[in-house]
PDB file of N, CA and C in Angstrom:
ATOM      1  N   UNK A   1     201.205  30.709 -99.051  1.00  0.00           N
ATOM      2  CA  UNK A   1     201.929  29.646 -99.564  1.00  0.00           C
ATOM      3  C   UNK A   1     203.371  30.318-100.031  1.00  0.00           C
ATOM      4  N   UNK A   2     204.477  29.671 -99.620  1.00  0.00           N
ATOM      5  CA  UNK A   2     205.759  30.223-100.269  1.00  0.00           C
ATOM      6  C   UNK A   2     206.405  29.451-101.118  1.00  0.00           C
ATOM      7  N   UNK A   3     205.932  28.482-101.565  1.00  0.00           N
ATOM      8  CA  UNK A   3     206.346  27.898-102.736  1.00  0.00           C
ATOM      9  C   UNK A   3     205.835  28.392-104.236  1.00  0.00           C
ATOM     10  N   UNK A   4     206.631  28.511-105.188  1.00  0.00           N
ATOM     11  CA  UNK A   4     206.192  29.281-106.400  1.00  0.00           C
ATOM     12  C   UNK A   4     206.521  28.472-107.625  1.00  0.00           C
ATOM     13  N   UNK A   5     205.973  28.693-108.728  1.00  0.00           N
ATOM     14  CA  UNK A   5     206.289  28.110-109.965  1.00  0.00           C
ATOM     15  C   UNK A   5     207.734  28.306-110.345  1.00  0.00           C
ATOM     16  N   UNK A   6     208.258  27.021-110.996  1.00  0.00           N
ATOM     17  CA  UNK A   6     209.752  26.834-111.347  1.00  0.00           C
ATOM     18  C   UNK A   6     210.687  26.778-109.998  1.00  0.00           C
ATOM     19  N   UNK A   7     210.224  26.683-108.619  1.00  0.00           N
ATOM     20  CA  UNK A   7     211.088  26.318-107.663  1.00  0.00           C
ATOM     21  C   UNK A   7     211.458  24.888-107.665  1.00  0.00           C
ATOM     22  N   UNK A   8     212.360  24.350-107.041  1.00  0.00           N
ATOM     23  CA  UNK A   8     212.932  23.000-106.866  1.00  0.00           C
ATOM     24  C   UNK A   8     212.413  22.756-105.576  1.00  0.00           C
ATOM     25  N   UNK A   9     211.739  21.491-105.388  1.00  0.00           N
ATOM     26  CA  UNK A   9     211.445  21.063-104.319  1.00  0.00           C
ATOM     27  C   UNK A   9     211.486  19.647-103.898  1.00  0.00           C
ATOM     28  N   UNK A  10     211.639  19.231-102.684  1.00  0.00           N
ATOM     29  CA  UNK A  10     211.975  17.877-102.478  1.00  0.00           C
ATOM     30  C   UNK A  10     210.612  17.312-101.460  1.00  0.00           C
ATOM     31  N   UNK A  11     210.089  16.094-101.757  1.00  0.00           N
ATOM     32  CA  UNK A  11     209.081  15.505-101.130  1.00  0.00           C
ATOM     33  C   UNK A  11     209.508  14.767 -99.798  1.00  0.00           C
ATOM     34  N   UNK A  12     208.539  15.178 -98.798  1.00  0.00           N
ATOM     35  CA  UNK A  12     209.116  15.024 -97.510  1.00  0.00           C
ATOM     36  C   UNK A  12     208.158  13.763 -96.956  1.00  0.00           C
ATOM     37  N   UNK A  13     207.121  13.366 -97.481  1.00  0.00           N
ATOM     38  CA  UNK A  13     206.105  12.311 -96.966  1.00  0.00           C
ATOM     39  C   UNK A  13     205.446  11.824 -98.393  1.00  0.00           C
ATOM     40  N   UNK A  14     204.797  10.528 -98.116  1.00  0.00           N
ATOM     41  CA  UNK A  14     204.026   9.943 -99.164  1.00  0.00           C
ATOM     42  C   UNK A  14     204.885   8.911 -99.884  1.00  0.00           C
ATOM     43  N   UNK A  15     204.269   8.493-100.941  1.00  0.00           N
ATOM     44  CA  UNK A  15     204.801   7.271-101.927  1.00  0.00           C
ATOM     45  C   UNK A  15     206.099   7.774-102.623  1.00  0.00           C
ATOM     46  N   UNK A  16     206.065   9.042-102.915  1.00  0.00           N
ATOM     47  CA  UNK A  16     207.266   9.684-103.605  1.00  0.00           C
ATOM     48  C   UNK A  16     208.408  10.259-102.755  1.00  0.00           C
ATOM     49  N   UNK A  17     208.400   9.797-101.553  1.00  0.00           N
ATOM     50  CA  UNK A  17     209.319  10.622-100.372  1.00  0.00           C
ATOM     51  C   UNK A  17     210.695  10.464-100.994  1.00  0.00           C
ATOM     52  N   UNK A  18     211.535  11.664-100.895  1.00  0.00           N
ATOM     53  CA  UNK A  18     212.903  11.886-101.073  1.00  0.00           C
ATOM     54  C   UNK A  18     213.020  12.181-102.630  1.00  0.00           C
ATOM     55  N   UNK A  19     212.095  12.292-103.466  1.00  0.00           N
ATOM     56  CA  UNK A  19     212.091  12.573-104.874  1.00  0.00           C
ATOM     57  C   UNK A  19     212.135  14.186-104.920  1.00  0.00           C
ATOM     58  N   UNK A  20     212.993  14.638-105.935  1.00  0.00           N
ATOM     59  CA  UNK A  20     212.999  16.157-106.055  1.00  0.00           C
ATOM     60  C   UNK A  20     212.579  16.569-107.295  1.00  0.00           C
ATOM     61  N   UNK A  21     211.977  17.665-107.708  1.00  0.00           N
ATOM     62  CA  UNK A  21     211.576  18.115-108.940  1.00  0.00           C
ATOM     63  C   UNK A  21     211.287  19.580-108.912  1.00  0.00           C
ATOM     64  N   UNK A  22     211.007  20.043-110.295  1.00  0.00           N
ATOM     65  CA  UNK A  22     210.559  21.461-110.413  1.00  0.00           C
ATOM     66  C   UNK A  22     209.027  21.542-110.522  1.00  0.00           C
ATOM     67  N   UNK A  23     208.678  22.555-109.731  1.00  0.00           N
ATOM     68  CA  UNK A  23     207.205  22.891-109.537  1.00  0.00           C
ATOM     69  C   UNK A  23     206.480  23.531-110.995  1.00  0.00           C
ATOM     70  N   UNK A  24     205.624  22.582-111.542  1.00  0.00           N
ATOM     71  CA  UNK A  24     205.046  23.064-112.783  1.00  0.00           C
ATOM     72  C   UNK A  24     203.769  23.855-112.868  1.00  0.00           C
ATOM     73  N   UNK A  25     203.146  23.836-111.779  1.00  0.00           N
ATOM     74  CA  UNK A  25     201.613  24.539-111.535  1.00  0.00           C
ATOM     75  C   UNK A  25     201.500  24.605-109.950  1.00  0.00           C
ATOM     76  N   UNK A  26     200.891  25.887-109.674  1.00  0.00           N
ATOM     77  CA  UNK A  26     200.699  25.961-108.370  1.00  0.00           C
ATOM     78  C   UNK A  26     199.219  26.359-108.194  1.00  0.00           C
ATOM     79  N   UNK A  27     198.304  25.680-107.328  1.00  0.00           N
ATOM     80  CA  UNK A  27     196.845  25.755-107.191  1.00  0.00           C
ATOM     81  C   UNK A  27     196.578  26.148-105.730  1.00  0.00           C
ATOM     82  N   UNK A  28     196.956  27.465-105.556  1.00  0.00           N
ATOM     83  CA  UNK A  28     196.552  28.130-104.204  1.00  0.00           C
ATOM     84  C   UNK A  28     195.367  27.836-103.550  1.00  0.00           C
ATOM     85  N   UNK A  29     194.331  27.673-104.204  1.00  0.00           N
ATOM     86  CA  UNK A  29     192.790  27.664-103.922  1.00  0.00           C
ATOM     87  C   UNK A  29     192.850  26.313-103.076  1.00  0.00           C
ATOM     88  N   UNK A  30     193.452  25.151-103.397  1.00  0.00           N
ATOM     89  CA  UNK A  30     193.439  23.910-103.003  1.00  0.00           C
ATOM     90  C   UNK A  30     194.613  23.447-102.105  1.00  0.00           C
ATOM     91  N   UNK A  31     195.806  24.405-101.980  1.00  0.00           N
ATOM     92  CA  UNK A  31     196.935  24.470-101.409  1.00  0.00           C
ATOM     93  C   UNK A  31     197.850  23.335-101.965  1.00  0.00           C
ATOM     94  N   UNK A  32     197.566  23.282-103.197  1.00  0.00           N
ATOM     95  CA  UNK A  32     198.456  21.929-103.782  1.00  0.00           C
ATOM     96  C   UNK A  32     199.441  22.547-104.882  1.00  0.00           C
ATOM     97  N   UNK A  33     200.261  21.772-105.431  1.00  0.00           N
ATOM     98  CA  UNK A  33     201.070  22.009-106.425  1.00  0.00           C
ATOM     99  C   UNK A  33     201.184  20.789-107.318  1.00  0.00           C
ATOM    100  N   UNK A  34     201.720  21.059-108.709  1.00  0.00           N
ATOM    101  CA  UNK A  34     202.093  20.178-109.513  1.00  0.00           C
ATOM    102  C   UNK A  34     203.420  19.929-109.618  1.00  0.00           C
ATOM    103  N   UNK A  35     204.208  18.866-109.280  1.00  0.00           N
ATOM    104  CA  UNK A  35     205.622  18.710-109.456  1.00  0.00           C
ATOM    105  C   UNK A  35     206.056  17.722-110.339  1.00  0.00           C
ATOM    106  N   UNK A  36     207.039  18.131-111.213  1.00  0.00           N
ATOM    107  CA  UNK A  36     207.554  17.244-112.356  1.00  0.00           C
ATOM    108  C   UNK A  36     208.239  15.873-111.709  1.00  0.00           C
ATOM    109  N   UNK A  37     207.545  14.974-112.256  1.00  0.00           N
ATOM    110  CA  UNK A  37     207.949  13.534-111.900  1.00  0.00           C
ATOM    111  C   UNK A  37     207.433  12.842-110.664  1.00  0.00           C
ATOM    112  N   UNK A  38     206.641  13.632-109.852  1.00  0.00           N
ATOM    113  CA  UNK A  38     206.138  13.258-108.665  1.00  0.00           C
ATOM    114  C   UNK A  38     204.705  13.204-108.770  1.00  0.00           C
ATOM    115  N   UNK A  39     204.144  12.098-108.249  1.00  0.00           N
ATOM    116  CA  UNK A  39     202.795  11.765-108.034  1.00  0.00           C
ATOM    117  C   UNK A  39     202.150  11.434-109.341  1.00  0.00           C
ATOM    118  N   UNK A  40     203.058  10.541-110.342  1.00  0.00           N
ATOM    119  CA  UNK A  40     202.675  10.372-111.668  1.00  0.00           C
ATOM    120  C   UNK A  40     201.332   9.440-111.727  1.00  0.00           C
ATOM    121  N   UNK A  41     200.373   9.805-112.530  1.00  0.00           N
ATOM    122  CA  UNK A  41     199.089   9.097-112.629  1.00  0.00           C
ATOM    123  C   UNK A  41     198.957   8.596-113.943  1.00  0.00           C
ATOM    124  N   UNK A  42     198.266   7.574-114.039  1.00  0.00           N
ATOM    125  CA  UNK A  42     197.993   6.977-115.432  1.00  0.00           C
ATOM    126  C   UNK A  42     196.537   7.298-115.878  1.00  0.00           C
ATOM    127  N   UNK A  43     196.529   7.905-117.052  1.00  0.00           N
ATOM    128  CA  UNK A  43     195.079   8.162-117.689  1.00  0.00           C
ATOM    129  C   UNK A  43     194.943   7.445-118.911  1.00  0.00           C
ATOM    130  N   UNK A  44     193.928   6.942-119.212  1.00  0.00           N
ATOM    131  CA  UNK A  44     193.506   6.045-120.251  1.00  0.00           C
ATOM    132  C   UNK A  44     192.659   6.950-121.441  1.00  0.00           C
ATOM    133  N   UNK A  45     193.154   7.166-122.493  1.00  0.00           N
ATOM    134  CA  UNK A  45     192.611   7.869-123.464  1.00  0.00           C
ATOM    135  C   UNK A  45     191.887   6.950-124.379  1.00  0.00           C
ATOM    136  N   UNK A  46     190.506   7.218-124.548  1.00  0.00           N
ATOM    137  CA  UNK A  46     189.688   6.321-125.349  1.00  0.00           C
ATOM    138  C   UNK A  46     189.870   6.722-126.830  1.00  0.00           C
ATOM    139  N   UNK A  47     189.876   5.713-127.633  1.00  0.00           N
ATOM    140  CA  UNK A  47     189.870   6.011-129.138  1.00  0.00           C
ATOM    141  C   UNK A  47     188.949   6.664-129.664  1.00  0.00           C
ATOM    142  N   UNK A  48     189.044   7.724-130.628  1.00  0.00           N
ATOM    143  CA  UNK A  48     188.316   8.504-131.296  1.00  0.00           C
ATOM    144  C   UNK A  48     188.492   8.255-132.944  1.00  0.00           C
ATOM    145  N   UNK A  49     187.697   8.806-133.663  1.00  0.00           N
ATOM    146  CA  UNK A  49     187.964   9.058-135.319  1.00  0.00           C
ATOM    147  C   UNK A  49     189.253   9.382-135.715  1.00  0.00           C
ATOM    148  N   UNK A  50     189.706  10.590-134.878  1.00  0.00           N
ATOM    149  CA  UNK A  50     191.015  11.191-135.208  1.00  0.00           C
ATOM    150  C   UNK A  50     192.336  10.719-134.422  1.00  0.00           C
ATOM    151  N   UNK A  51     191.861  10.062-133.099  1.00  0.00           N
ATOM    152  CA  UNK A  51     193.174   9.743-132.428  1.00  0.00           C
ATOM    153  C   UNK A  51     193.001   8.203-132.000  1.00  0.00           C
ATOM    154  N   UNK A  52     194.204   7.538-131.955  1.00  0.00           N
ATOM    155  CA  UNK A  52     194.094   6.215-131.456  1.00  0.00           C
ATOM    156  C   UNK A  52     193.917   6.408-129.960  1.00  0.00           C
ATOM    157  N   UNK A  53     193.769   5.148-129.354  1.00  0.00           N
ATOM    158  CA  UNK A  53     193.754   4.942-127.730  1.00  0.00           C
ATOM    159  C   UNK A  53     195.119   4.948-127.356  1.00  0.00           C
ATOM    160  N   UNK A  54     195.523   5.533-126.092  1.00  0.00           N
ATOM    161  CA  UNK A  54     196.588   5.398-125.527  1.00  0.00           C
ATOM    162  C   UNK A  54     196.567   5.442-124.116  1.00  0.00           C
ATOM    163  N   UNK A  55     197.542   5.206-123.446  1.00  0.00           N
ATOM    164  CA  UNK A  55     197.729   5.509-122.002  1.00  0.00           C
ATOM    165  C   UNK A  55     198.668   6.680-121.625  1.00  0.00           C
ATOM    166  N   UNK A  56     198.207   7.588-121.051  1.00  0.00           N
ATOM    167  CA  UNK A  56     199.130   8.857-120.727  1.00  0.00           C
ATOM    168  C   UNK A  56     199.542   8.655-119.251  1.00  0.00           C
ATOM    169  N   UNK A  57     200.779   9.063-118.974  1.00  0.00           N
ATOM    170  CA  UNK A  57     201.287   9.180-117.777  1.00  0.00           C
ATOM    171  C   UNK A  57     201.388  10.799-117.567  1.00  0.00           C
ATOM    172  N   UNK A  58     200.666  11.446-116.516  1.00  0.00           N
ATOM    173  CA  UNK A  58     200.726  12.838-116.020  1.00  0.00           C
ATOM    174  C   UNK A  58     200.809  12.918-114.355  1.00  0.00           C
ATOM    175  N   UNK A  59     201.495  14.164-114.229  1.00  0.00           N
ATOM    176  CA  UNK A  59     201.606  14.322-112.874  1.00  0.00           C
ATOM    177  C   UNK A  59     200.366  14.990-112.391  1.00  0.00           C
ATOM    178  N   UNK A  60     200.094  14.325-110.966  1.00  0.00           N
ATOM    179  CA  UNK A  60     198.881  14.908-110.301  1.00  0.00           C
ATOM    180  C   UNK A  60     199.380  15.807-109.112  1.00  0.00           C
ATOM    181  N   UNK A  61     198.288  16.513-108.598  1.00  0.00           N
ATOM    182  CA  UNK A  61     198.729  17.713-107.583  1.00  0.00           C
ATOM    183  C   UNK A  61     198.983  16.994-106.416  1.00  0.00           C
ATOM    184  N   UNK A  62     199.836  17.569-105.736  1.00  0.00           N
ATOM    185  CA  UNK A  62     200.281  17.044-104.398  1.00  0.00           C
ATOM    186  C   UNK A  62     200.281  18.217-103.335  1.00  0.00           C
ATOM    187  N   UNK A  63     199.738  17.947-102.139  1.00  0.00           N
ATOM    188  CA  UNK A  63     199.651  18.994-101.228  1.00  0.00           C
ATOM    189  C   UNK A  63     201.170  19.457-100.659  1.00  0.00           C
ATOM    190  N   UNK A  64     200.987  20.948-100.495  1.00  0.00           N
ATOM    191  CA  UNK A  64     202.136  21.644-100.276  1.00  0.00           C
ATOM    192  C   UNK A  64     202.907  21.160 -98.822  1.00  0.00           C
ATOM    193  N   UNK A  65     201.903  20.797 -97.823  1.00  0.00           N
ATOM    194  CA  UNK A  65     202.572  20.281 -96.621  1.00  0.00           C
ATOM    195  C   UNK A  65     203.507  18.977 -96.743  1.00  0.00           C
ATOM    196  N   UNK A  66     203.405  18.475 -97.967  1.00  0.00           N
ATOM    197  CA  UNK A  66     204.215  17.260 -98.200  1.00  0.00           C
ATOM    198  C   UNK A  66     205.575  17.607 -98.968  1.00  0.00           C
ATOM    199  N   UNK A  67     205.590  18.832 -99.136  1.00  0.00           N
ATOM    200  CA  UNK A  67     206.924  19.368 -99.792  1.00  0.00           C
ATOM    201  C   UNK A  67     207.713  20.282 -98.955  1.00  0.00           C
ATOM    202  N   UNK A  68     209.093  20.340 -99.431  1.00  0.00           N
ATOM    203  CA  UNK A  68     209.884  21.247 -98.810  1.00  0.00           C
ATOM    204  C   UNK A  68     210.844  22.009 -99.825  1.00  0.00           C
ATOM    205  N   UNK A  69     211.168  23.293 -99.839  1.00  0.00           N
ATOM    206  CA  UNK A  69     212.025  23.840-100.671  1.00  0.00           C
ATOM    207  C   UNK A  69     213.360  23.229-100.731  1.00  0.00           C
ATOM    208  N   UNK A  70     213.882  22.931-102.023  1.00  0.00           N
ATOM    209  CA  UNK A  70     215.266  22.225-102.047  1.00  0.00           C
ATOM    210  C   UNK A  70     216.312  23.459-102.198  1.00  0.00           C
ATOM    211  N   UNK A  71     217.067  23.402-101.291  1.00  0.00           N
ATOM    212  CA  UNK A  71     218.155  24.503-101.519  1.00  0.00           C
ATOM    213  C   UNK A  71     219.357  24.047-102.131  1.00  0.00           C
ATOM    214  N   UNK A  72     219.855  24.409-103.289  1.00  0.00           N
ATOM    215  CA  UNK A  72     221.130  23.951-104.073  1.00  0.00           C
ATOM    216  C   UNK A  72     222.281  24.112-103.225  1.00  0.00           C
ATOM    217  N   UNK A  73     222.487  25.200-102.509  1.00  0.00           N
ATOM    218  CA  UNK A  73     223.717  25.269-101.597  1.00  0.00           C
ATOM    219  C   UNK A  73     224.017  24.358-100.470  1.00  0.00           C
ATOM    220  N   UNK A  74     222.728  24.040 -99.835  1.00  0.00           N
ATOM    221  CA  UNK A  74     222.984  23.189 -98.762  1.00  0.00           C
ATOM    222  C   UNK A  74     222.783  21.726 -99.276  1.00  0.00           C
ATOM    223  N   UNK A  75     222.164  21.557-100.465  1.00  0.00           N
ATOM    224  CA  UNK A  75     221.823  20.305-101.191  1.00  0.00           C
ATOM    225  C   UNK A  75     221.022  19.368-100.363  1.00  0.00           C
ATOM    226  N   UNK A  76     219.911  20.062 -99.716  1.00  0.00           N
ATOM    227  CA  UNK A  76     218.951  19.415 -98.798  1.00  0.00           C
ATOM    228  C   UNK A  76     217.692  20.361 -98.829  1.00  0.00           C
ATOM    229  N   UNK A  77     216.560  19.803 -98.192  1.00  0.00           N
ATOM    230  CA  UNK A  77     215.459  20.747 -98.081  1.00  0.00           C
ATOM    231  C   UNK A  77     215.615  21.619 -96.985  1.00  0.00           C
ATOM    232  N   UNK A  78     214.997  22.710 -97.170  1.00  0.00           N
ATOM    233  CA  UNK A  78     214.851  23.837 -96.132  1.00  0.00           C
ATOM    234  C   UNK A  78     213.595  24.525 -96.109  1.00  0.00           C
ATOM    235  N   UNK A  79     213.454  25.107 -94.977  1.00  0.00           N
ATOM    236  CA  UNK A  79     212.283  26.020 -94.677  1.00  0.00           C
ATOM    237  C   UNK A  79     212.326  27.353 -95.337  1.00  0.00           C
ATOM    238  N   UNK A  80     211.522  27.998 -95.540  1.00  0.00           N
ATOM    239  CA  UNK A  80     211.502  29.374 -96.133  1.00  0.00           C
ATOM    240  C   UNK A  80     210.986  30.532 -95.012  1.00  0.00           C
ATOM    241  N   UNK A  81     211.796  31.464 -94.878  1.00  0.00           N
ATOM    242  CA  UNK A  81     211.161  32.668 -94.249  1.00  0.00           C
ATOM    243  C   UNK A  81     211.061  33.855 -95.155  1.00  0.00           C
ATOM    244  N   UNK A  82     210.357  35.120 -94.745  1.00  0.00           N
ATOM    245  CA  UNK A  82     210.380  36.085 -95.341  1.00  0.00           C
ATOM    246  C   UNK A  82     210.990  37.449 -94.433  1.00  0.00           C
ATOM    247  N   UNK A  83     211.862  38.093 -95.395  1.00  0.00           N
ATOM    248  CA  UNK A  83     212.500  39.402 -94.820  1.00  0.00           C
ATOM    249  C   UNK A  83     211.863  40.452 -95.659  1.00  0.00           C
ATOM    250  N   UNK A  84     211.969  41.669 -95.015  1.00  0.00           N
ATOM    251  CA  UNK A  84     211.503  42.946 -95.778  1.00  0.00           C
ATOM    252  C   UNK A  84     212.741  43.933 -95.876  1.00  0.00           C
ATOM    253  N   UNK A  85     212.831  43.933 -97.371  1.00  0.00           N
ATOM    254  CA  UNK A  85     213.985  44.884 -97.645  1.00  0.00           C
ATOM    255  C   UNK A  85     213.504  45.871 -98.527  1.00  0.00           C
ATOM    256  N   UNK A  86     213.667  47.161 -98.378  1.00  0.00           N
ATOM    257  CA  UNK A  86     213.127  48.291 -99.066  1.00  0.00           C
ATOM    258  C   UNK A  86     211.782  48.147 -99.370  1.00  0.00           C
ATOM    259  N   UNK A  87     210.893  47.647 -98.275  1.00  0.00           N
ATOM    260  CA  UNK A  87     209.533  47.729 -98.421  1.00  0.00           C
ATOM    261  C   UNK A  87     209.079  46.352 -99.278  1.00  0.00           C
ATOM    262  N   UNK A  88     209.686  45.476 -99.699  1.00  0.00           N
ATOM    263  CA  UNK A  88     209.340  44.474-100.348  1.00  0.00           C
ATOM    264  C   UNK A  88     209.763  43.068 -99.646  1.00  0.00           C
ATOM    265  N   UNK A  89     208.700  42.034 -99.823  1.00  0.00           N
ATOM    266  CA  UNK A  89     209.033  40.806 -99.198  1.00  0.00           C
ATOM    267  C   UNK A  89     209.981  40.055 -99.924  1.00  0.00           C
ATOM    268  N   UNK A  90     210.821  39.510 -99.264  1.00  0.00           N
ATOM    269  CA  UNK A  90     211.959  38.656-100.150  1.00  0.00           C
ATOM    270  C   UNK A  90     211.992  37.195 -99.328  1.00  0.00           C
ATOM    271  N   UNK A  91     212.102  36.224-100.154  1.00  0.00           N
ATOM    272  CA  UNK A  91     212.042  34.779 -99.448  1.00  0.00           C
ATOM    273  C   UNK A  91     213.519  34.434 -98.953  1.00  0.00           C
ATOM    274  N   UNK A  92     213.837  34.007 -98.061  1.00  0.00           N
ATOM    275  CA  UNK A  92     215.024  33.544 -97.471  1.00  0.00           C
ATOM    276  C   UNK A  92     215.079  32.015 -96.962  1.00  0.00           C
ATOM    277  N   UNK A  93     216.144  31.406 -97.349  1.00  0.00           N
ATOM    278  CA  UNK A  93     216.486  30.161 -96.711  1.00  0.00           C
ATOM    279  C   UNK A  93     216.633  30.291 -95.308  1.00  0.00           C
ATOM    280  N   UNK A  94     216.044  29.429 -94.323  1.00  0.00           N
ATOM    281  CA  UNK A  94     216.211  29.498 -93.017  1.00  0.00           C
ATOM    282  C   UNK A  94     217.525  28.578 -92.731  1.00  0.00           C
ATOM    283  N   UNK A  95     218.008  27.747 -93.476  1.00  0.00           N
ATOM    284  CA  UNK A  95     219.129  27.027 -93.133  1.00  0.00           C
ATOM    285  C   UNK A  95     220.476  27.848 -93.298  1.00  0.00           C
ATOM    286  N   UNK A  96     220.549  28.442 -94.670  1.00  0.00           N
ATOM    287  CA  UNK A  96     221.788  29.040 -95.235  1.00  0.00           C
ATOM    288  C   UNK A  96     221.610  30.632 -95.098  1.00  0.00           C
ATOM    289  N   UNK A  97     220.503  31.190 -94.899  1.00  0.00           N
ATOM    290  CA  UNK A  97     220.196  32.676 -94.899  1.00  0.00           C
ATOM    291  C   UNK A  97     220.253  33.335 -96.055  1.00  0.00           C
ATOM    292  N   UNK A  98     220.351  32.460 -97.250  1.00  0.00           N
ATOM    293  CA  UNK A  98     220.536  33.032 -98.638  1.00  0.00           C
ATOM    294  C   UNK A  98     219.039  33.481 -99.240  1.00  0.00           C
ATOM    295  N   UNK A  99     219.205  34.516-100.019  1.00  0.00           N
ATOM    296  CA  UNK A  99     218.103  35.075-100.719  1.00  0.00           C
ATOM    297  C   UNK A  99     217.764  34.223-101.848  1.00  0.00           C
ATOM    298  N   UNK A 100     216.299  33.854-101.995  1.00  0.00           N
ATOM    299  CA  UNK A 100     215.770  33.077-103.001  1.00  0.00           C
ATOM    300  C   UNK A 100     215.523  33.744-104.229  1.00  0.00           C
ATOM    301  N   UNK A 101     214.816  34.977-103.996  1.00  0.00           N
ATOM    302  CA  UNK A 101     214.443  35.694-105.038  1.00  0.00           C
ATOM    303  C   UNK A 101     214.527  37.162-105.006  1.00  0.00           C
TER     304      UNK A 101
END
């Protein structure tokens, strides 16, 4: 999986198609990520003695195949490639050949 935490991604399919957001959490075992403002789900919190009942809105996981890395220079989604420099893997934008990290 080439998408990492704190990357900016754009949704390419599904109900949130076209939205962009920052990756909050990566779940590599399930090949999913949690993106800020995408796939927002409603959770009902039951009332307890300490807390009142409430409705929480939280982001759910979305599959990596429905996301694409958002390139700030090209202002659109781009595929990521890998190059080796000095024995280290470096992520590279396929559209602009810019080094990501």
